[in-house]
């Protein structure tokens, strides 16, 4: 027998993943993950404008996409505010639980604004 068990399920796209964020430039990149397994969509319906594009400013709780899981449309919301740096997953792509969907450039915590 070979090594089987829960540790063998590596994501197939690991080779294409961005490098770990270690440089100071990336310290404030915030990842919005998939909260469920399903198919990630950028827009509310085919042909519609995407919820967000790179460069857009979002606020905490703002919808940034949809995951379709078992015929349910589950909104994906930003956990915090920031500027969309990059949408990591193409439209209509199957995603795994916890997979990064997009990254935000977030402001360093500061006094009230």
PDB file of N, CA and C in Angstrom:
ATOM      1  N   UNK A   1       0.816  -1.204   0.000  1.00  0.00           N
ATOM      2  CA  UNK A   1       0.000   0.000   0.000  1.00  0.00           C
ATOM      3  C   UNK A   1       0.843   1.245   0.000  1.00  0.00           C
ATOM      4  N   UNK A   2       0.300   2.296  -0.615  1.00  0.00           N
ATOM      5  CA  UNK A   2       0.993   3.574  -0.627  1.00  0.00           C
ATOM      6  C   UNK A   2       0.425   4.492   0.444  1.00  0.00           C
ATOM      7  N   UNK A   3       0.944   5.695   0.528  1.00  0.00           N
ATOM      8  CA  UNK A   3       0.422   6.635   1.542  1.00  0.00           C
ATOM      9  C   UNK A   3      -0.960   7.138   1.145  1.00  0.00           C
ATOM     10  N   UNK A   4      -1.961   6.610   1.764  1.00  0.00           N
ATOM     11  CA  UNK A   4      -3.310   7.104   1.501  1.00  0.00           C
ATOM     12  C   UNK A   4      -3.853   7.670   2.787  1.00  0.00           C
ATOM     13  N   UNK A   5      -4.978   8.351   2.693  1.00  0.00           N
ATOM     14  CA  UNK A   5      -5.569   8.950   3.883  1.00  0.00           C
ATOM     15  C   UNK A   5      -5.871  10.407   3.634  1.00  0.00           C
ATOM     16  N   UNK A   6      -6.239  11.125   4.681  1.00  0.00           N
ATOM     17  CA  UNK A   6      -6.711  12.501   4.501  1.00  0.00           C
ATOM     18  C   UNK A   6      -5.639  13.437   3.959  1.00  0.00           C
ATOM     19  N   UNK A   7      -4.352  13.098   4.091  1.00  0.00           N
ATOM     20  CA  UNK A   7      -3.322  14.024   3.670  1.00  0.00           C
ATOM     21  C   UNK A   7      -3.037  14.001   2.184  1.00  0.00           C
ATOM     22  N   UNK A   8      -3.646  13.095   1.407  1.00  0.00           N
ATOM     23  CA  UNK A   8      -3.261  12.959   0.001  1.00  0.00           C
ATOM     24  C   UNK A   8      -4.041  13.883  -0.925  1.00  0.00           C
ATOM     25  N   UNK A   9      -5.015  14.626  -0.427  1.00  0.00           N
ATOM     26  CA  UNK A   9      -5.862  15.451  -1.289  1.00  0.00           C
ATOM     27  C   UNK A   9      -5.237  16.825  -1.519  1.00  0.00           C
ATOM     28  N   UNK A  10      -4.158  16.854  -2.264  1.00  0.00           N
ATOM     29  CA  UNK A  10      -3.531  18.142  -2.581  1.00  0.00           C
ATOM     30  C   UNK A  10      -4.350  18.827  -3.677  1.00  0.00           C
ATOM     31  N   UNK A  11      -4.520  20.150  -3.603  1.00  0.00           N
ATOM     32  CA  UNK A  11      -5.225  20.813  -4.703  1.00  0.00           C
ATOM     33  C   UNK A  11      -4.440  20.667  -6.007  1.00  0.00           C
ATOM     34  N   UNK A  12      -5.145  20.383  -7.082  1.00  0.00           N
ATOM     35  CA  UNK A  12      -4.492  20.122  -8.361  1.00  0.00           C
ATOM     36  C   UNK A  12      -3.784  21.364  -8.889  1.00  0.00           C
ATOM     37  N   UNK A  13      -4.269  22.549  -8.503  1.00  0.00           N
ATOM     38  CA  UNK A  13      -3.695  23.760  -9.068  1.00  0.00           C
ATOM     39  C   UNK A  13      -2.607  24.350  -8.182  1.00  0.00           C
ATOM     40  N   UNK A  14      -2.020  23.549  -7.300  1.00  0.00           N
ATOM     41  CA  UNK A  14      -1.015  24.081  -6.385  1.00  0.00           C
ATOM     42  C   UNK A  14       0.159  24.696  -7.135  1.00  0.00           C
ATOM     43  N   UNK A  15       0.544  24.114  -8.272  1.00  0.00           N
ATOM     44  CA  UNK A  15       1.711  24.603  -8.995  1.00  0.00           C
ATOM     45  C   UNK A  15       1.482  26.020  -9.523  1.00  0.00           C
ATOM     46  N   UNK A  16       0.236  26.371  -9.794  1.00  0.00           N
ATOM     47  CA  UNK A  16      -0.056  27.680 -10.373  1.00  0.00           C
ATOM     48  C   UNK A  16      -0.344  28.731  -9.305  1.00  0.00           C
ATOM     49  N   UNK A  17      -0.349  28.321  -8.039  1.00  0.00           N
ATOM     50  CA  UNK A  17      -0.698  29.251  -6.967  1.00  0.00           C
ATOM     51  C   UNK A  17       0.387  30.318  -6.828  1.00  0.00           C
ATOM     52  N   UNK A  18      -0.008  31.521  -6.433  1.00  0.00           N
ATOM     53  CA  UNK A  18       1.013  32.557  -6.221  1.00  0.00           C
ATOM     54  C   UNK A  18       1.929  32.163  -5.066  1.00  0.00           C
ATOM     55  N   UNK A  19       3.142  32.692  -5.080  1.00  0.00           N
ATOM     56  CA  UNK A  19       4.071  32.347  -4.019  1.00  0.00           C
ATOM     57  C   UNK A  19       3.533  32.818  -2.680  1.00  0.00           C
ATOM     58  N   UNK A  20       3.966  32.185  -1.604  1.00  0.00           N
ATOM     59  CA  UNK A  20       3.508  32.636  -0.281  1.00  0.00           C
ATOM     60  C   UNK A  20       3.821  34.109  -0.097  1.00  0.00           C
ATOM     61  N   UNK A  21       2.930  34.827   0.556  1.00  0.00           N
ATOM     62  CA  UNK A  21       3.178  36.256   0.692  1.00  0.00           C
ATOM     63  C   UNK A  21       4.126  36.468   1.862  1.00  0.00           C
ATOM     64  N   UNK A  22       5.348  36.787   1.546  1.00  0.00           N
ATOM     65  CA  UNK A  22       6.322  37.006   2.594  1.00  0.00           C
ATOM     66  C   UNK A  22       6.920  38.403   2.528  1.00  0.00           C
ATOM     67  N   UNK A  23       6.870  39.045   1.353  1.00  0.00           N
ATOM     68  CA  UNK A  23       7.484  40.367   1.247  1.00  0.00           C
ATOM     69  C   UNK A  23       6.604  41.416   1.912  1.00  0.00           C
ATOM     70  N   UNK A  24       7.226  42.493   2.292  1.00  0.00           N
ATOM     71  CA  UNK A  24       6.496  43.559   2.987  1.00  0.00           C
ATOM     72  C   UNK A  24       5.365  44.098   2.114  1.00  0.00           C
ATOM     73  N   UNK A  25       5.588  44.100   0.796  1.00  0.00           N
ATOM     74  CA  UNK A  25       4.592  44.632  -0.122  1.00  0.00           C
ATOM     75  C   UNK A  25       3.277  43.874   0.001  1.00  0.00           C
ATOM     76  N   UNK A  26       3.367  42.574   0.305  1.00  0.00           N
ATOM     77  CA  UNK A  26       2.161  41.754   0.342  1.00  0.00           C
ATOM     78  C   UNK A  26       1.568  41.627   1.748  1.00  0.00           C
ATOM     79  N   UNK A  27       2.180  42.293   2.714  1.00  0.00           N
ATOM     80  CA  UNK A  27       1.764  42.080   4.096  1.00  0.00           C
ATOM     81  C   UNK A  27       0.295  42.439   4.305  1.00  0.00           C
ATOM     82  N   UNK A  28      -0.218  43.379   3.525  1.00  0.00           N
ATOM     83  CA  UNK A  28      -1.590  43.828   3.741  1.00  0.00           C
ATOM     84  C   UNK A  28      -2.562  43.224   2.736  1.00  0.00           C
ATOM     85  N   UNK A  29      -2.112  42.204   1.986  1.00  0.00           N
ATOM     86  CA  UNK A  29      -3.043  41.528   1.082  1.00  0.00           C
ATOM     87  C   UNK A  29      -3.944  40.627   1.914  1.00  0.00           C
ATOM     88  N   UNK A  30      -5.235  40.765   1.738  1.00  0.00           N
ATOM     89  CA  UNK A  30      -6.202  39.979   2.490  1.00  0.00           C
ATOM     90  C   UNK A  30      -6.925  39.052   1.514  1.00  0.00           C
ATOM     91  N   UNK A  31      -6.938  37.772   1.829  1.00  0.00           N
ATOM     92  CA  UNK A  31      -7.544  36.788   0.929  1.00  0.00           C
ATOM     93  C   UNK A  31      -9.007  36.570   1.313  1.00  0.00           C
ATOM     94  N   UNK A  32      -9.892  36.643   0.342  1.00  0.00           N
ATOM     95  CA  UNK A  32     -11.291  36.265   0.537  1.00  0.00           C
ATOM     96  C   UNK A  32     -11.427  34.822   0.073  1.00  0.00           C
ATOM     97  N   UNK A  33     -11.694  33.880   0.997  1.00  0.00           N
ATOM     98  CA  UNK A  33     -11.738  32.466   0.626  1.00  0.00           C
ATOM     99  C   UNK A  33     -13.148  32.013   0.254  1.00  0.00           C
ATOM    100  N   UNK A  34     -13.214  30.857  -0.408  1.00  0.00           N
ATOM    101  CA  UNK A  34     -14.501  30.208  -0.645  1.00  0.00           C
ATOM    102  C   UNK A  34     -14.982  29.599   0.669  1.00  0.00           C
ATOM    103  N   UNK A  35     -16.215  29.869   1.035  1.00  0.00           N
ATOM    104  CA  UNK A  35     -16.761  29.333   2.275  1.00  0.00           C
ATOM    105  C   UNK A  35     -17.465  27.995   2.049  1.00  0.00           C
ATOM    106  N   UNK A  36     -17.506  27.548   0.811  1.00  0.00           N
ATOM    107  CA  UNK A  36     -18.136  26.272   0.498  1.00  0.00           C
ATOM    108  C   UNK A  36     -17.564  25.755  -0.822  1.00  0.00           C
ATOM    109  N   UNK A  37     -17.722  24.479  -1.059  1.00  0.00           N
ATOM    110  CA  UNK A  37     -17.357  23.905  -2.353  1.00  0.00           C
ATOM    111  C   UNK A  37     -18.465  24.234  -3.350  1.00  0.00           C
ATOM    112  N   UNK A  38     -18.096  24.609  -4.548  1.00  0.00           N
ATOM    113  CA  UNK A  38     -19.114  24.924  -5.547  1.00  0.00           C
ATOM    114  C   UNK A  38     -18.468  25.551  -6.762  1.00  0.00           C
ATOM    115  N   UNK A  39     -19.274  26.290  -7.530  1.00  0.00           N
ATOM    116  CA  UNK A  39     -18.783  26.957  -8.735  1.00  0.00           C
ATOM    117  C   UNK A  39     -18.852  28.458  -8.496  1.00  0.00           C
ATOM    118  N   UNK A  40     -17.703  29.119  -8.665  1.00  0.00           N
ATOM    119  CA  UNK A  40     -17.596  30.553  -8.386  1.00  0.00           C
ATOM    120  C   UNK A  40     -17.960  31.362  -9.626  1.00  0.00           C
ATOM    121  N   UNK A  41     -18.830  32.343  -9.433  1.00  0.00           N
ATOM    122  CA  UNK A  41     -19.223  33.241 -10.520  1.00  0.00           C
ATOM    123  C   UNK A  41     -18.893  34.685 -10.149  1.00  0.00           C
ATOM    124  N   UNK A  42     -18.417  35.451 -11.145  1.00  0.00           N
ATOM    125  CA  UNK A  42     -18.057  36.847 -10.924  1.00  0.00           C
ATOM    126  C   UNK A  42     -19.269  37.764 -10.937  1.00  0.00           C
ATOM    127  N   UNK A  43     -20.341  37.349 -11.633  1.00  0.00           N
ATOM    128  CA  UNK A  43     -21.472  38.255 -11.839  1.00  0.00           C
ATOM    129  C   UNK A  43     -22.776  37.568 -11.450  1.00  0.00           C
ATOM    130  N   UNK A  44     -23.822  38.354 -11.228  1.00  0.00           N
ATOM    131  CA  UNK A  44     -25.097  37.770 -10.793  1.00  0.00           C
ATOM    132  C   UNK A  44     -25.756  36.885 -11.830  1.00  0.00           C
ATOM    133  N   UNK A  45     -25.458  37.125 -13.112  1.00  0.00           N
ATOM    134  CA  UNK A  45     -26.041  36.295 -14.167  1.00  0.00           C
ATOM    135  C   UNK A  45     -25.167  36.411 -15.407  1.00  0.00           C
ATOM    136  N   UNK A  46     -25.251  35.449 -16.322  1.00  0.00           N
ATOM    137  CA  UNK A  46     -24.403  35.516 -17.517  1.00  0.00           C
ATOM    138  C   UNK A  46     -24.624  36.815 -18.285  1.00  0.00           C
ATOM    139  N   UNK A  47     -23.521  37.451 -18.681  1.00  0.00           N
ATOM    140  CA  UNK A  47     -23.617  38.686 -19.438  1.00  0.00           C
ATOM    141  C   UNK A  47     -23.707  39.939 -18.590  1.00  0.00           C
ATOM    142  N   UNK A  48     -23.950  39.778 -17.300  1.00  0.00           N
ATOM    143  CA  UNK A  48     -24.028  40.949 -16.417  1.00  0.00           C
ATOM    144  C   UNK A  48     -22.623  41.401 -16.034  1.00  0.00           C
ATOM    145  N   UNK A  49     -22.514  42.644 -15.567  1.00  0.00           N
ATOM    146  CA  UNK A  49     -21.229  43.134 -15.078  1.00  0.00           C
ATOM    147  C   UNK A  49     -20.823  42.338 -13.843  1.00  0.00           C
ATOM    148  N   UNK A  50     -19.511  42.128 -13.662  1.00  0.00           N
ATOM    149  CA  UNK A  50     -19.065  41.443 -12.451  1.00  0.00           C
ATOM    150  C   UNK A  50     -19.353  42.283 -11.209  1.00  0.00           C
ATOM    151  N   UNK A  51     -19.458  41.597 -10.076  1.00  0.00           N
ATOM    152  CA  UNK A  51     -19.670  42.321  -8.813  1.00  0.00           C
ATOM    153  C   UNK A  51     -18.514  43.287  -8.556  1.00  0.00           C
ATOM    154  N   UNK A  52     -17.291  42.813  -8.749  1.00  0.00           N
ATOM    155  CA  UNK A  52     -16.119  43.664  -8.531  1.00  0.00           C
ATOM    156  C   UNK A  52     -15.063  43.354  -9.586  1.00  0.00           C
ATOM    157  N   UNK A  53     -14.214  44.337  -9.839  1.00  0.00           N
ATOM    158  CA  UNK A  53     -13.049  44.177 -10.706  1.00  0.00           C
ATOM    159  C   UNK A  53     -11.821  44.609  -9.918  1.00  0.00           C
ATOM    160  N   UNK A  54     -10.650  44.197 -10.410  1.00  0.00           N
ATOM    161  CA  UNK A  54      -9.409  44.664  -9.797  1.00  0.00           C
ATOM    162  C   UNK A  54      -9.405  46.186  -9.783  1.00  0.00           C
ATOM    163  N   UNK A  55      -9.046  46.762  -8.653  1.00  0.00           N
ATOM    164  CA  UNK A  55      -9.024  48.212  -8.511  1.00  0.00           C
ATOM    165  C   UNK A  55     -10.264  48.778  -7.848  1.00  0.00           C
ATOM    166  N   UNK A  56     -11.336  47.978  -7.768  1.00  0.00           N
ATOM    167  CA  UNK A  56     -12.550  48.452  -7.106  1.00  0.00           C
ATOM    168  C   UNK A  56     -12.351  48.501  -5.594  1.00  0.00           C
ATOM    169  N   UNK A  57     -12.975  49.479  -4.948  1.00  0.00           N
ATOM    170  CA  UNK A  57     -12.970  49.552  -3.494  1.00  0.00           C
ATOM    171  C   UNK A  57     -14.219  48.844  -2.974  1.00  0.00           C
ATOM    172  N   UNK A  58     -14.020  47.995  -1.972  1.00  0.00           N
ATOM    173  CA  UNK A  58     -15.141  47.286  -1.373  1.00  0.00           C
ATOM    174  C   UNK A  58     -15.190  47.607   0.113  1.00  0.00           C
ATOM    175  N   UNK A  59     -16.370  47.400   0.690  1.00  0.00           N
ATOM    176  CA  UNK A  59     -16.542  47.585   2.126  1.00  0.00           C
ATOM    177  C   UNK A  59     -16.870  46.233   2.751  1.00  0.00           C
ATOM    178  N   UNK A  60     -16.629  46.112   4.037  1.00  0.00           N
ATOM    179  CA  UNK A  60     -16.921  44.862   4.723  1.00  0.00           C
ATOM    180  C   UNK A  60     -18.387  44.498   4.523  1.00  0.00           C
ATOM    181  N   UNK A  61     -18.633  43.237   4.162  1.00  0.00           N
ATOM    182  CA  UNK A  61     -19.996  42.778   3.943  1.00  0.00           C
ATOM    183  C   UNK A  61     -20.487  42.942   2.524  1.00  0.00           C
ATOM    184  N   UNK A  62     -19.692  43.588   1.656  1.00  0.00           N
ATOM    185  CA  UNK A  62     -20.105  43.780   0.264  1.00  0.00           C
ATOM    186  C   UNK A  62     -19.984  42.469  -0.502  1.00  0.00           C
ATOM    187  N   UNK A  63     -20.962  42.197  -1.349  1.00  0.00           N
ATOM    188  CA  UNK A  63     -20.921  40.978  -2.153  1.00  0.00           C
ATOM    189  C   UNK A  63     -19.890  41.125  -3.263  1.00  0.00           C
ATOM    190  N   UNK A  64     -19.016  40.114  -3.405  1.00  0.00           N
ATOM    191  CA  UNK A  64     -17.958  40.167  -4.414  1.00  0.00           C
ATOM    192  C   UNK A  64     -18.069  39.017  -5.409  1.00  0.00           C
ATOM    193  N   UNK A  65     -19.036  38.123  -5.204  1.00  0.00           N
ATOM    194  CA  UNK A  65     -19.215  36.999  -6.113  1.00  0.00           C
ATOM    195  C   UNK A  65     -20.312  36.087  -5.608  1.00  0.00           C
ATOM    196  N   UNK A  66     -20.480  34.967  -6.316  1.00  0.00           N
ATOM    197  CA  UNK A  66     -21.490  33.969  -5.961  1.00  0.00           C
ATOM    198  C   UNK A  66     -20.834  32.601  -6.081  1.00  0.00           C
ATOM    199  N   UNK A  67     -21.169  31.709  -5.158  1.00  0.00           N
ATOM    200  CA  UNK A  67     -20.815  30.302  -5.330  1.00  0.00           C
ATOM    201  C   UNK A  67     -22.111  29.519  -5.457  1.00  0.00           C
ATOM    202  N   UNK A  68     -22.219  28.767  -6.551  1.00  0.00           N
ATOM    203  CA  UNK A  68     -23.373  27.897  -6.725  1.00  0.00           C
ATOM    204  C   UNK A  68     -23.019  26.531  -6.158  1.00  0.00           C
ATOM    205  N   UNK A  69     -23.813  26.104  -5.173  1.00  0.00           N
ATOM    206  CA  UNK A  69     -23.588  24.804  -4.550  1.00  0.00           C
ATOM    207  C   UNK A  69     -24.925  24.088  -4.467  1.00  0.00           C
ATOM    208  N   UNK A  70     -25.040  22.970  -5.133  1.00  0.00           N
ATOM    209  CA  UNK A  70     -26.276  22.175  -5.105  1.00  0.00           C
ATOM    210  C   UNK A  70     -27.505  23.035  -5.412  1.00  0.00           C
ATOM    211  N   UNK A  71     -27.400  23.813  -6.487  1.00  0.00           N
ATOM    212  CA  UNK A  71     -28.489  24.671  -6.973  1.00  0.00           C
ATOM    213  C   UNK A  71     -28.778  25.862  -6.062  1.00  0.00           C
ATOM    214  N   UNK A  72     -27.981  26.054  -5.021  1.00  0.00           N
ATOM    215  CA  UNK A  72     -28.140  27.236  -4.189  1.00  0.00           C
ATOM    216  C   UNK A  72     -27.126  28.276  -4.635  1.00  0.00           C
ATOM    217  N   UNK A  73     -27.547  29.540  -4.682  1.00  0.00           N
ATOM    218  CA  UNK A  73     -26.632  30.631  -4.994  1.00  0.00           C
ATOM    219  C   UNK A  73     -26.223  31.286  -3.669  1.00  0.00           C
ATOM    220  N   UNK A  74     -24.981  31.071  -3.290  1.00  0.00           N
ATOM    221  CA  UNK A  74     -24.495  31.548  -2.001  1.00  0.00           C
ATOM    222  C   UNK A  74     -23.635  32.783  -2.242  1.00  0.00           C
ATOM    223  N   UNK A  75     -24.020  33.931  -1.681  1.00  0.00           N
ATOM    224  CA  UNK A  75     -23.224  35.127  -1.920  1.00  0.00           C
ATOM    225  C   UNK A  75     -21.854  35.025  -1.256  1.00  0.00           C
ATOM    226  N   UNK A  76     -20.838  35.535  -1.952  1.00  0.00           N
ATOM    227  CA  UNK A  76     -19.499  35.656  -1.378  1.00  0.00           C
ATOM    228  C   UNK A  76     -19.335  37.119  -0.994  1.00  0.00           C
ATOM    229  N   UNK A  77     -19.011  37.360   0.280  1.00  0.00           N
ATOM    230  CA  UNK A  77     -18.890  38.731   0.763  1.00  0.00           C
ATOM    231  C   UNK A  77     -17.481  38.985   1.272  1.00  0.00           C
ATOM    232  N   UNK A  78     -17.027  40.214   1.104  1.00  0.00           N
ATOM    233  CA  UNK A  78     -15.736  40.613   1.659  1.00  0.00           C
ATOM    234  C   UNK A  78     -15.869  40.682   3.180  1.00  0.00           C
ATOM    235  N   UNK A  79     -14.923  40.077   3.891  1.00  0.00           N
ATOM    236  CA  UNK A  79     -14.958  40.114   5.350  1.00  0.00           C
ATOM    237  C   UNK A  79     -14.549  41.482   5.878  1.00  0.00           C
ATOM    238  N   UNK A  80     -13.818  42.230   5.050  1.00  0.00           N
ATOM    239  CA  UNK A  80     -13.379  43.555   5.463  1.00  0.00           C
ATOM    240  C   UNK A  80     -13.220  44.414   4.228  1.00  0.00           C
ATOM    241  N   UNK A  81     -13.095  45.699   4.453  1.00  0.00           N
ATOM    242  CA  UNK A  81     -12.980  46.618   3.340  1.00  0.00           C
ATOM    243  C   UNK A  81     -11.574  46.666   2.777  1.00  0.00           C
ATOM    244  N   UNK A  82     -11.467  47.163   1.550  1.00  0.00           N
ATOM    245  CA  UNK A  82     -10.167  47.303   0.912  1.00  0.00           C
ATOM    246  C   UNK A  82     -10.351  47.540  -0.564  1.00  0.00           C
ATOM    247  N   UNK A  83      -9.243  47.449  -1.295  1.00  0.00           N
ATOM    248  CA  UNK A  83      -9.261  47.597  -2.750  1.00  0.00           C
ATOM    249  C   UNK A  83      -8.950  46.236  -3.351  1.00  0.00           C
ATOM    250  N   UNK A  84      -9.768  45.822  -4.318  1.00  0.00           N
ATOM    251  CA  UNK A  84      -9.551  44.520  -4.950  1.00  0.00           C
ATOM    252  C   UNK A  84      -8.209  44.544  -5.670  1.00  0.00           C
ATOM    253  N   UNK A  85      -7.297  43.664  -5.250  1.00  0.00           N
ATOM    254  CA  UNK A  85      -5.991  43.579  -5.905  1.00  0.00           C
ATOM    255  C   UNK A  85      -6.079  42.666  -7.118  1.00  0.00           C
ATOM    256  N   UNK A  86      -6.681  41.485  -6.905  1.00  0.00           N
ATOM    257  CA  UNK A  86      -6.689  40.499  -7.979  1.00  0.00           C
ATOM    258  C   UNK A  86      -7.821  39.522  -7.734  1.00  0.00           C
ATOM    259  N   UNK A  87      -8.547  39.180  -8.794  1.00  0.00           N
ATOM    260  CA  UNK A  87      -9.512  38.086  -8.731  1.00  0.00           C
ATOM    261  C   UNK A  87      -8.759  36.840  -9.182  1.00  0.00           C
ATOM    262  N   UNK A  88      -8.646  35.858  -8.275  1.00  0.00           N
ATOM    263  CA  UNK A  88      -7.748  34.732  -8.503  1.00  0.00           C
ATOM    264  C   UNK A  88      -8.392  33.598  -9.283  1.00  0.00           C
ATOM    265  N   UNK A  89      -9.714  33.562  -9.299  1.00  0.00           N
ATOM    266  CA  UNK A  89     -10.419  32.433  -9.894  1.00  0.00           C
ATOM    267  C   UNK A  89     -11.220  32.937 -11.089  1.00  0.00           C
ATOM    268  N   UNK A  90     -11.100  32.245 -12.206  1.00  0.00           N
ATOM    269  CA  UNK A  90     -11.848  32.625 -13.398  1.00  0.00           C
ATOM    270  C   UNK A  90     -13.346  32.419 -13.172  1.00  0.00           C
ATOM    271  N   UNK A  91     -14.149  33.141 -13.941  1.00  0.00           N
ATOM    272  CA  UNK A  91     -15.599  33.022 -13.841  1.00  0.00           C
ATOM    273  C   UNK A  91     -16.025  31.584 -14.153  1.00  0.00           C
ATOM    274  N   UNK A  92     -17.033  31.111 -13.425  1.00  0.00           N
ATOM    275  CA  UNK A  92     -17.626  29.778 -13.651  1.00  0.00           C
ATOM    276  C   UNK A  92     -16.610  28.657 -13.433  1.00  0.00           C
ATOM    277  N   UNK A  93     -15.766  28.818 -12.419  1.00  0.00           N
ATOM    278  CA  UNK A  93     -14.752  27.816 -12.101  1.00  0.00           C
ATOM    279  C   UNK A  93     -15.126  27.078 -10.822  1.00  0.00           C
ATOM    280  N   UNK A  94     -15.031  25.746 -10.821  1.00  0.00           N
ATOM    281  CA  UNK A  94     -15.258  25.004  -9.566  1.00  0.00           C
ATOM    282  C   UNK A  94     -14.184  25.362  -8.541  1.00  0.00           C
ATOM    283  N   UNK A  95     -14.597  25.550  -7.290  1.00  0.00           N
ATOM    284  CA  UNK A  95     -13.658  25.897  -6.227  1.00  0.00           C
ATOM    285  C   UNK A  95     -13.838  24.931  -5.060  1.00  0.00           C
ATOM    286  N   UNK A  96     -12.787  24.823  -4.270  1.00  0.00           N
ATOM    287  CA  UNK A  96     -12.796  24.002  -3.064  1.00  0.00           C
ATOM    288  C   UNK A  96     -13.024  24.893  -1.856  1.00  0.00           C
ATOM    289  N   UNK A  97     -13.491  24.276  -0.763  1.00  0.00           N
ATOM    290  CA  UNK A  97     -13.654  25.027   0.485  1.00  0.00           C
ATOM    291  C   UNK A  97     -12.311  25.615   0.905  1.00  0.00           C
ATOM    292  N   UNK A  98     -12.311  26.909   1.236  1.00  0.00           N
ATOM    293  CA  UNK A  98     -11.103  27.564   1.704  1.00  0.00           C
ATOM    294  C   UNK A  98     -10.193  28.081   0.612  1.00  0.00           C
ATOM    295  N   UNK A  99     -10.514  27.794  -0.654  1.00  0.00           N
ATOM    296  CA  UNK A  99      -9.671  28.250  -1.761  1.00  0.00           C
ATOM    297  C   UNK A  99      -9.741  29.774  -1.876  1.00  0.00           C
ATOM    298  N   UNK A 100      -8.591  30.443  -2.034  1.00  0.00           N
ATOM    299  CA  UNK A 100      -8.636  31.903  -2.211  1.00  0.00           C
ATOM    300  C   UNK A 100      -9.362  32.283  -3.494  1.00  0.00           C
ATOM    301  N   UNK A 101     -10.317  33.204  -3.385  1.00  0.00           N
ATOM    302  CA  UNK A 101     -11.082  33.648  -4.548  1.00  0.00           C
ATOM    303  C   UNK A 101     -10.545  34.973  -5.084  1.00  0.00           C
ATOM    304  N   UNK A 102     -10.235  35.885  -4.171  1.00  0.00           N
ATOM    305  CA  UNK A 102      -9.664  37.155  -4.585  1.00  0.00           C
ATOM    306  C   UNK A 102      -8.867  37.727  -3.429  1.00  0.00           C
ATOM    307  N   UNK A 103      -8.011  38.682  -3.760  1.00  0.00           N
ATOM    308  CA  UNK A 103      -7.222  39.331  -2.721  1.00  0.00           C
ATOM    309  C   UNK A 103      -7.582  40.810  -2.675  1.00  0.00           C
ATOM    310  N   UNK A 104      -7.525  41.357  -1.464  1.00  0.00           N
ATOM    311  CA  UNK A 104      -7.791  42.772  -1.243  1.00  0.00           C
ATOM    312  C   UNK A 104      -6.535  43.417  -0.679  1.00  0.00           C
ATOM    313  N   UNK A 105      -6.257  44.633  -1.119  1.00  0.00           N
ATOM    314  CA  UNK A 105      -5.273  45.473  -0.430  1.00  0.00           C
ATOM    315  C   UNK A 105      -6.044  46.199   0.660  1.00  0.00           C
ATOM    316  N   UNK A 106      -5.682  45.935   1.909  1.00  0.00           N
ATOM    317  CA  UNK A 106      -6.413  46.530   3.019  1.00  0.00           C
ATOM    318  C   UNK A 106      -5.540  47.586   3.680  1.00  0.00           C
ATOM    319  N   UNK A 107      -6.197  48.584   4.208  1.00  0.00           N
ATOM    320  CA  UNK A 107      -5.460  49.628   4.926  1.00  0.00           C
ATOM    321  C   UNK A 107      -4.945  49.062   6.243  1.00  0.00           C
ATOM    322  N   UNK A 108      -3.772  49.515   6.635  1.00  0.00           N
ATOM    323  CA  UNK A 108      -3.288  49.162   7.961  1.00  0.00           C
ATOM    324  C   UNK A 108      -4.292  49.720   8.976  1.00  0.00           C
ATOM    325  N   UNK A 109      -4.521  48.974  10.071  1.00  0.00           N
ATOM    326  CA  UNK A 109      -5.469  49.475  11.073  1.00  0.00           C
ATOM    327  C   UNK A 109      -5.057  50.875  11.523  1.00  0.00           C
ATOM    328  N   UNK A 110      -6.006  51.781  11.497  1.00  0.00           N
ATOM    329  CA  UNK A 110      -5.713  53.157  11.859  1.00  0.00           C
ATOM    330  C   UNK A 110      -6.835  53.675  12.738  1.00  0.00           C
ATOM    331  N   UNK A 111      -6.626  54.832  13.324  1.00  0.00           N
ATOM    332  CA  UNK A 111      -7.676  55.452  14.145  1.00  0.00           C
ATOM    333  C   UNK A 111      -8.893  55.741  13.285  1.00  0.00           C
ATOM    334  N   UNK A 112     -10.006  56.079  13.938  1.00  0.00           N
ATOM    335  CA  UNK A 112     -11.255  56.287  13.212  1.00  0.00           C
ATOM    336  C   UNK A 112     -11.098  57.235  12.059  1.00  0.00           C
ATOM    337  N   UNK A 113     -11.802  56.966  10.953  1.00  0.00           N
ATOM    338  CA  UNK A 113     -11.768  57.827   9.765  1.00  0.00           C
ATOM    339  C   UNK A 113     -13.161  58.327   9.485  1.00  0.00           C
TER     340      UNK A 113
END
